[in-house]
Amino acid sequence: MGRRKSSAVSSLAALIILCVASLALFTVYVKEGDSGPLHTVQLGASEVLRPVRGLLGLAASPLSAASERVGNVMNVEEKRELEEKVLEYEEGAAEAARLRQENERLRQLLDGQRPSFTYSPLASVVAPVGGQLTKRVKINVGTNDGVQPEQPVVVGNNTLVGRTTNQVTPNTAEVVLITDQSFAAGVRIVPPSGSDDDSSDDSHGEGLLRTNWEGYLGVDYVDLSAEVERGDFVTTSGRAGDRELLFPPGLFVGTVESVSSQDIDQYKKIVATPAVKAKDLQEVRVITDW
């Protein structure tokens, strides 16, 4: 117990002595000139420690350079990511503009030349004819509603999905769809970004819409010189060989999916995608007069 107390007193006394000595040295340092003994000792210590500081700086320089390189790499990566995002936004904006243009063009096609049409009441597709894989359906309107054979059947006002057959009763009618091999219609190919009117100068060609034996819906007899492109609209022309005006002009059918030709071909080979799939049909209308 006595020994610990004596040690504490000694430590306190040493601390007081160090404080007094430090204060005395600081006072002397402040009062003496630049050539005083304390200043001379400080300069000597600086000269002795200068190589050590140089070695420490040399050792730290690679770390500083490496840190700077890492920062530059990170900046390059961030810049690349930003550039990629900007490119994505630009591509998205361009695609949105293209779609708006096509939608506007399609709206113009669909809104025109319709006031003179006479439609049947809205009809429901009640059953397929001949099984699930058939290209014909039955609808619940008939002669009591003004429906006759060989009349266009549309979704909405003007998207063609088929025509009525001879199987028409007072309250029902059979419809052969445009994807059936027995269906045919004269069509025009129209660019999506064409002019507001539906003139022949705006056409990329005319031909006959029908499904070939391989099951592909296409447009036949389009001249090789026609400037048909993928994405062009396919609309009825009002002509189909001997079936003149079987369909009114301007009904929307679908879009061009692919175009090809060879030197030995007489016409372009065009595959089209229908605007409406058979499995999606629920309600339709028959154009009874135009």
Protein backbone atom coordinates (compact mmCIF):
# COMPACT_ATOMS: atom_id res chain seq x y z
CA MET A 1 0.00 0.00 0.00
CA GLY A 2 2.76 2.45 1.06
CA ARG A 3 4.83 1.48 -1.99
CA ARG A 4 1.99 2.33 -4.46
CA LYS A 5 1.44 5.71 -2.77
CA SER A 6 5.16 6.54 -3.03
CA SER A 7 5.15 5.62 -6.75
CA ALA A 8 2.16 7.90 -7.44
CA VAL A 9 3.90 10.83 -5.67
CA SER A 10 7.07 10.24 -7.70
CA SER A 11 5.09 10.21 -10.99
CA LEU A 12 3.31 13.43 -10.09
CA ALA A 13 6.60 15.08 -9.18
CA ALA A 14 8.16 13.98 -12.49
CA LEU A 15 5.17 15.38 -14.42
CA ILE A 16 5.49 18.73 -12.67
CA ILE A 17 9.23 18.86 -13.41
CA LEU A 18 8.62 18.09 -17.12
CA CYS A 19 5.96 20.78 -17.39
CA VAL A 20 8.26 23.36 -15.73
CA ALA A 21 11.16 22.34 -18.01
CA SER A 22 8.98 22.55 -21.13
CA LEU A 23 7.72 25.98 -20.16
CA ALA A 24 11.27 27.17 -19.52
CA LEU A 25 12.52 25.84 -22.87
CA PHE A 26 9.59 27.40 -24.75
CA THR A 27 10.30 30.76 -23.06
CA VAL A 28 13.99 30.58 -24.00
CA TYR A 29 13.10 29.53 -27.60
CA VAL A 30 10.79 32.51 -28.05
CA LYS A 31 13.25 35.03 -26.57
CA GLU A 32 16.45 33.83 -28.28
CA GLY A 33 17.34 34.77 -31.85
CA ASP A 34 17.50 32.55 -34.95
CA SER A 35 21.11 31.70 -34.04
CA GLY A 36 20.23 30.53 -30.54
CA PRO A 37 21.10 27.04 -29.33
CA LEU A 38 17.51 25.74 -29.46
CA HIS A 39 17.04 26.96 -33.06
CA THR A 40 20.35 25.36 -33.98
CA VAL A 41 19.21 21.99 -32.53
CA GLN A 42 15.88 22.26 -34.45
CA LEU A 43 17.65 22.87 -37.77
CA GLY A 44 20.01 19.97 -37.13
CA ALA A 45 17.13 17.63 -36.43
CA SER A 46 15.41 18.75 -39.63
CA GLU A 47 18.53 17.99 -41.68
CA VAL A 48 18.86 14.57 -40.06
CA LEU A 49 15.19 13.69 -40.67
CA ARG A 50 15.02 15.06 -44.25
CA PRO A 51 16.15 11.75 -45.89
CA VAL A 52 13.56 9.91 -43.84
CA ARG A 53 10.84 12.24 -45.07
CA GLY A 54 12.09 11.77 -48.64
CA LEU A 55 11.94 7.99 -48.30
CA LEU A 56 8.43 8.21 -46.88
CA GLY A 57 7.35 10.48 -49.76
CA LEU A 58 8.94 8.12 -52.31
CA ALA A 59 7.16 5.16 -50.77
CA ALA A 60 3.84 7.00 -50.81
CA SER A 61 4.12 8.21 -54.45
CA PRO A 62 3.25 4.83 -56.06
CA LEU A 63 0.22 4.63 -53.82
CA SER A 64 -0.84 8.13 -54.86
CA ALA A 65 -0.30 7.32 -58.56
CA ALA A 66 -2.21 4.05 -58.20
CA SER A 67 -5.04 5.88 -56.46
CA GLU A 68 -5.15 8.40 -59.29
CA ARG A 69 -5.22 5.62 -61.91
CA VAL A 70 -8.06 3.86 -60.07
CA GLY A 71 -9.94 7.14 -59.98
CA ASN A 72 -9.41 7.59 -63.73
CA VAL A 73 -10.62 4.04 -64.44
CA MET A 74 -13.72 4.64 -62.34
CA ASN A 75 -14.35 7.90 -64.22
CA VAL A 76 -14.03 6.08 -67.57
CA GLU A 77 -16.44 3.36 -66.41
CA GLU A 78 -18.94 5.91 -65.17
CA LYS A 79 -18.63 7.85 -68.42
CA ARG A 80 -19.19 4.68 -70.45
CA GLU A 81 -22.26 3.78 -68.39
CA LEU A 82 -23.66 7.27 -68.84
CA GLU A 83 -23.04 7.13 -72.60
CA GLU A 84 -24.78 3.75 -72.82
CA LYS A 85 -27.77 5.09 -70.88
CA VAL A 86 -27.97 8.15 -73.12
CA LEU A 87 -27.84 5.90 -76.20
CA GLU A 88 -30.64 3.74 -74.79
CA TYR A 89 -32.77 6.80 -74.12
CA GLU A 90 -32.14 8.12 -77.64
CA GLU A 91 -33.04 4.77 -79.21
CA GLY A 92 -36.17 4.57 -77.06
CA ALA A 93 -37.20 8.08 -78.07
CA ALA A 94 -36.63 7.29 -81.75
CA GLU A 95 -38.68 4.10 -81.50
CA ALA A 96 -41.48 5.94 -79.69
CA ALA A 97 -41.49 8.61 -82.40
CA ARG A 98 -41.65 5.94 -85.12
CA LEU A 99 -44.55 4.20 -83.40
CA ARG A 100 -46.42 7.48 -82.98
CA GLN A 101 -45.93 8.17 -86.68
CA GLU A 102 -47.18 4.71 -87.66
CA ASN A 103 -50.16 4.96 -85.30
CA GLU A 104 -51.09 8.35 -86.72
CA ARG A 105 -50.82 6.99 -90.25
CA LEU A 106 -52.94 3.96 -89.34
CA ARG A 107 -55.54 6.18 -87.66
CA GLN A 108 -55.77 8.24 -90.84
CA LEU A 109 -56.28 5.10 -92.91
CA LEU A 110 -58.94 3.74 -90.58
CA ASP A 111 -60.86 6.98 -90.12
CA GLY A 112 -61.26 7.74 -93.82
CA GLN A 113 -64.11 6.85 -96.22
CA ARG A 114 -66.34 5.27 -93.57
CA PRO A 115 -69.51 7.42 -93.28
CA SER A 116 -71.09 5.67 -96.29
CA PHE A 117 -70.75 2.19 -94.77
CA THR A 118 -73.72 0.30 -93.36
CA TYR A 119 -72.99 -2.20 -90.60
CA SER A 120 -74.85 -5.10 -89.05
CA PRO A 121 -75.42 -5.09 -85.30
CA LEU A 122 -72.43 -6.09 -83.21
CA ALA A 123 -72.08 -9.86 -83.46
CA SER A 124 -70.40 -12.39 -81.19
CA VAL A 125 -68.27 -15.28 -82.40
CA VAL A 126 -70.26 -18.24 -81.08
CA ALA A 127 -68.30 -21.23 -82.38
CA PRO A 128 -65.56 -22.40 -84.70
CA VAL A 129 -66.68 -24.37 -87.75
CA GLY A 130 -65.02 -27.73 -88.36
CA GLY A 131 -62.86 -27.96 -85.21
CA GLN A 132 -60.31 -25.92 -83.27
CA LEU A 133 -57.88 -25.63 -86.19
CA THR A 134 -60.52 -24.30 -88.58
CA LYS A 135 -60.22 -21.00 -90.40
CA ARG A 136 -63.97 -20.42 -90.21
CA VAL A 137 -66.25 -19.26 -87.41
CA LYS A 138 -69.96 -18.77 -86.81
CA ILE A 139 -71.44 -15.46 -85.69
CA ASN A 140 -74.89 -14.70 -84.22
CA VAL A 141 -76.27 -12.34 -86.90
CA GLY A 142 -77.95 -13.32 -90.15
CA THR A 143 -80.42 -12.29 -92.83
CA ASN A 144 -82.71 -10.75 -90.20
CA ASP A 145 -79.89 -8.26 -89.59
CA GLY A 146 -79.24 -7.54 -93.28
CA VAL A 147 -76.36 -10.01 -93.60
CA GLN A 148 -75.88 -11.69 -96.97
CA PRO A 149 -73.23 -14.02 -98.44
CA GLU A 150 -69.91 -12.54 -99.65
CA GLN A 151 -69.88 -9.53 -97.32
CA PRO A 152 -66.83 -8.21 -95.45
CA VAL A 153 -66.50 -8.99 -91.74
CA VAL A 154 -64.51 -6.51 -89.68
CA VAL A 155 -63.34 -5.81 -86.17
CA GLY A 156 -64.37 -2.32 -85.12
CA ASN A 157 -65.13 -0.30 -88.21
CA ASN A 158 -62.49 -1.30 -90.69
CA THR A 159 -60.02 -4.06 -89.80
CA LEU A 160 -60.83 -6.91 -92.15
CA VAL A 161 -60.94 -10.39 -90.57
CA GLY A 162 -62.93 -12.35 -93.20
CA ARG A 163 -66.13 -12.56 -95.25
CA THR A 164 -69.45 -14.31 -94.98
CA THR A 165 -70.00 -17.54 -96.92
CA ASN A 166 -73.17 -18.97 -98.46
CA GLN A 167 -74.03 -20.47 -95.07
CA VAL A 168 -76.22 -17.62 -93.83
CA THR A 169 -79.42 -18.22 -91.84
CA PRO A 170 -81.90 -15.71 -90.40
CA ASN A 171 -79.88 -15.49 -87.16
CA THR A 172 -76.39 -16.84 -87.90
CA ALA A 173 -73.70 -16.61 -90.53
CA GLU A 174 -70.55 -18.52 -91.35
CA VAL A 175 -67.38 -16.45 -91.76
CA VAL A 176 -64.29 -17.57 -93.64
CA LEU A 177 -61.24 -15.85 -92.17
CA ILE A 178 -58.53 -14.13 -94.18
CA THR A 179 -56.07 -16.90 -93.23
CA ASP A 180 -58.18 -19.61 -94.90
CA GLN A 181 -56.73 -20.87 -98.20
CA SER A 182 -60.03 -20.21 -99.97
CA PHE A 183 -59.96 -16.52 -99.05
CA ALA A 184 -58.67 -13.93 -101.51
CA ALA A 185 -58.79 -10.14 -101.67
CA GLY A 186 -57.22 -7.44 -103.77
CA VAL A 187 -54.91 -5.34 -101.62
CA ARG A 188 -52.61 -2.35 -101.74
CA ILE A 189 -49.36 -1.98 -99.81
CA VAL A 190 -49.07 1.42 -98.17
CA PRO A 191 -46.05 2.90 -96.33
CA PRO A 192 -46.82 3.75 -92.67
CA SER A 193 -45.36 7.23 -93.04
CA GLY A 194 -47.14 8.09 -96.26
CA SER A 195 -49.27 11.10 -97.04
CA ASP A 196 -52.66 11.79 -95.53
CA ASP A 197 -54.67 10.69 -98.57
CA ASP A 198 -55.04 7.17 -99.91
CA SER A 199 -53.95 7.92 -103.47
CA SER A 200 -52.25 5.44 -105.78
CA ASP A 201 -49.08 7.56 -105.75
CA ASP A 202 -48.72 6.62 -102.09
CA SER A 203 -48.79 2.88 -102.82
CA HIS A 204 -45.86 0.46 -102.69
CA GLY A 205 -47.67 -1.90 -105.01
CA GLU A 206 -50.84 -3.94 -105.43
CA GLY A 207 -51.48 -7.65 -105.37
CA LEU A 208 -53.71 -10.50 -104.20
CA LEU A 209 -53.94 -11.41 -100.52
CA ARG A 210 -54.18 -15.13 -99.88
CA THR A 211 -52.71 -18.00 -97.83
CA ASN A 212 -50.45 -20.40 -99.71
CA TRP A 213 -50.34 -24.17 -99.33
CA GLU A 214 -47.57 -23.82 -96.75
CA GLY A 215 -49.89 -21.83 -94.50
CA TYR A 216 -48.26 -18.40 -94.93
CA LEU A 217 -50.48 -15.36 -95.46
CA GLY A 218 -48.96 -13.30 -98.24
CA VAL A 219 -49.49 -10.89 -101.08
CA ASP A 220 -49.02 -12.37 -104.56
CA TYR A 221 -48.44 -10.74 -107.94
CA VAL A 222 -46.64 -7.67 -106.61
CA ASP A 223 -44.31 -6.29 -109.28
CA LEU A 224 -40.57 -6.67 -108.73
CA SER A 225 -40.12 -2.92 -109.08
CA ALA A 226 -42.48 -2.18 -106.17
CA GLU A 227 -40.67 -0.63 -103.19
CA VAL A 228 -42.25 -2.87 -100.56
CA GLU A 229 -40.67 -2.79 -97.09
CA ARG A 230 -41.18 -4.66 -93.86
CA GLY A 231 -43.72 -2.83 -91.69
CA ASP A 232 -45.76 -1.48 -94.62
CA PHE A 233 -49.53 -1.61 -94.17
CA VAL A 234 -51.70 -3.97 -96.21
CA THR A 235 -55.16 -2.58 -97.06
CA THR A 236 -57.92 -3.68 -99.42
CA SER A 237 -57.82 -2.12 -102.86
CA GLY A 238 -61.44 -2.83 -103.81
CA ARG A 239 -60.32 -5.13 -106.61
CA ALA A 240 -59.69 -8.87 -106.72
CA GLY A 241 -59.72 -10.09 -110.31
CA ASP A 242 -63.24 -11.09 -111.23
CA ARG A 243 -64.50 -10.15 -107.78
CA GLU A 244 -64.59 -6.44 -108.48
CA LEU A 245 -65.44 -4.44 -105.34
CA LEU A 246 -66.08 -7.57 -103.29
CA PHE A 247 -64.44 -5.55 -100.52
CA PRO A 248 -64.48 -1.76 -100.20
CA PRO A 249 -61.10 -0.08 -100.55
CA GLY A 250 -59.12 0.97 -97.48
CA LEU A 251 -59.92 -1.83 -95.02
CA PHE A 252 -56.88 -2.56 -92.90
CA VAL A 253 -55.63 -6.17 -93.15
CA GLY A 254 -52.19 -6.33 -91.52
CA THR A 255 -48.53 -5.50 -92.02
CA VAL A 256 -45.73 -6.78 -94.23
CA GLU A 257 -43.54 -9.20 -92.29
CA SER A 258 -40.92 -10.01 -94.94
CA VAL A 259 -40.05 -9.25 -98.56
CA SER A 260 -37.80 -11.26 -100.86
CA SER A 261 -37.15 -11.86 -104.55
CA GLN A 262 -34.71 -13.61 -106.86
CA ASP A 263 -33.62 -12.95 -110.41
CA ILE A 264 -35.72 -15.85 -111.67
CA ASP A 265 -38.88 -14.60 -109.89
CA GLN A 266 -41.55 -12.73 -111.77
CA TYR A 267 -43.04 -11.20 -108.62
CA LYS A 268 -41.94 -10.31 -105.11
CA LYS A 269 -42.47 -12.85 -102.34
CA ILE A 270 -44.28 -11.08 -99.53
CA VAL A 271 -45.35 -12.54 -96.20
CA ALA A 272 -47.94 -10.58 -94.19
CA THR A 273 -49.03 -10.68 -90.56
CA PRO A 274 -52.79 -10.25 -89.98
CA ALA A 275 -53.79 -7.39 -87.71
CA VAL A 276 -56.06 -9.68 -85.67
CA LYS A 277 -55.44 -13.33 -84.79
CA ALA A 278 -58.29 -15.81 -85.09
CA LYS A 279 -58.00 -16.87 -81.44
CA ASP A 280 -58.53 -13.27 -80.35
CA LEU A 281 -61.83 -12.81 -82.19
CA GLN A 282 -64.77 -12.18 -79.89
CA GLU A 283 -67.02 -9.51 -81.45
CA VAL A 284 -67.25 -8.50 -85.09
CA ARG A 285 -69.49 -6.59 -87.48
CA VAL A 286 -70.53 -7.25 -91.05
CA ILE A 287 -70.39 -4.44 -93.59
CA THR A 288 -73.74 -4.89 -95.34
CA ASP A 289 -73.45 -1.97 -97.75
CA TRP A 290 -70.93 0.62 -98.94
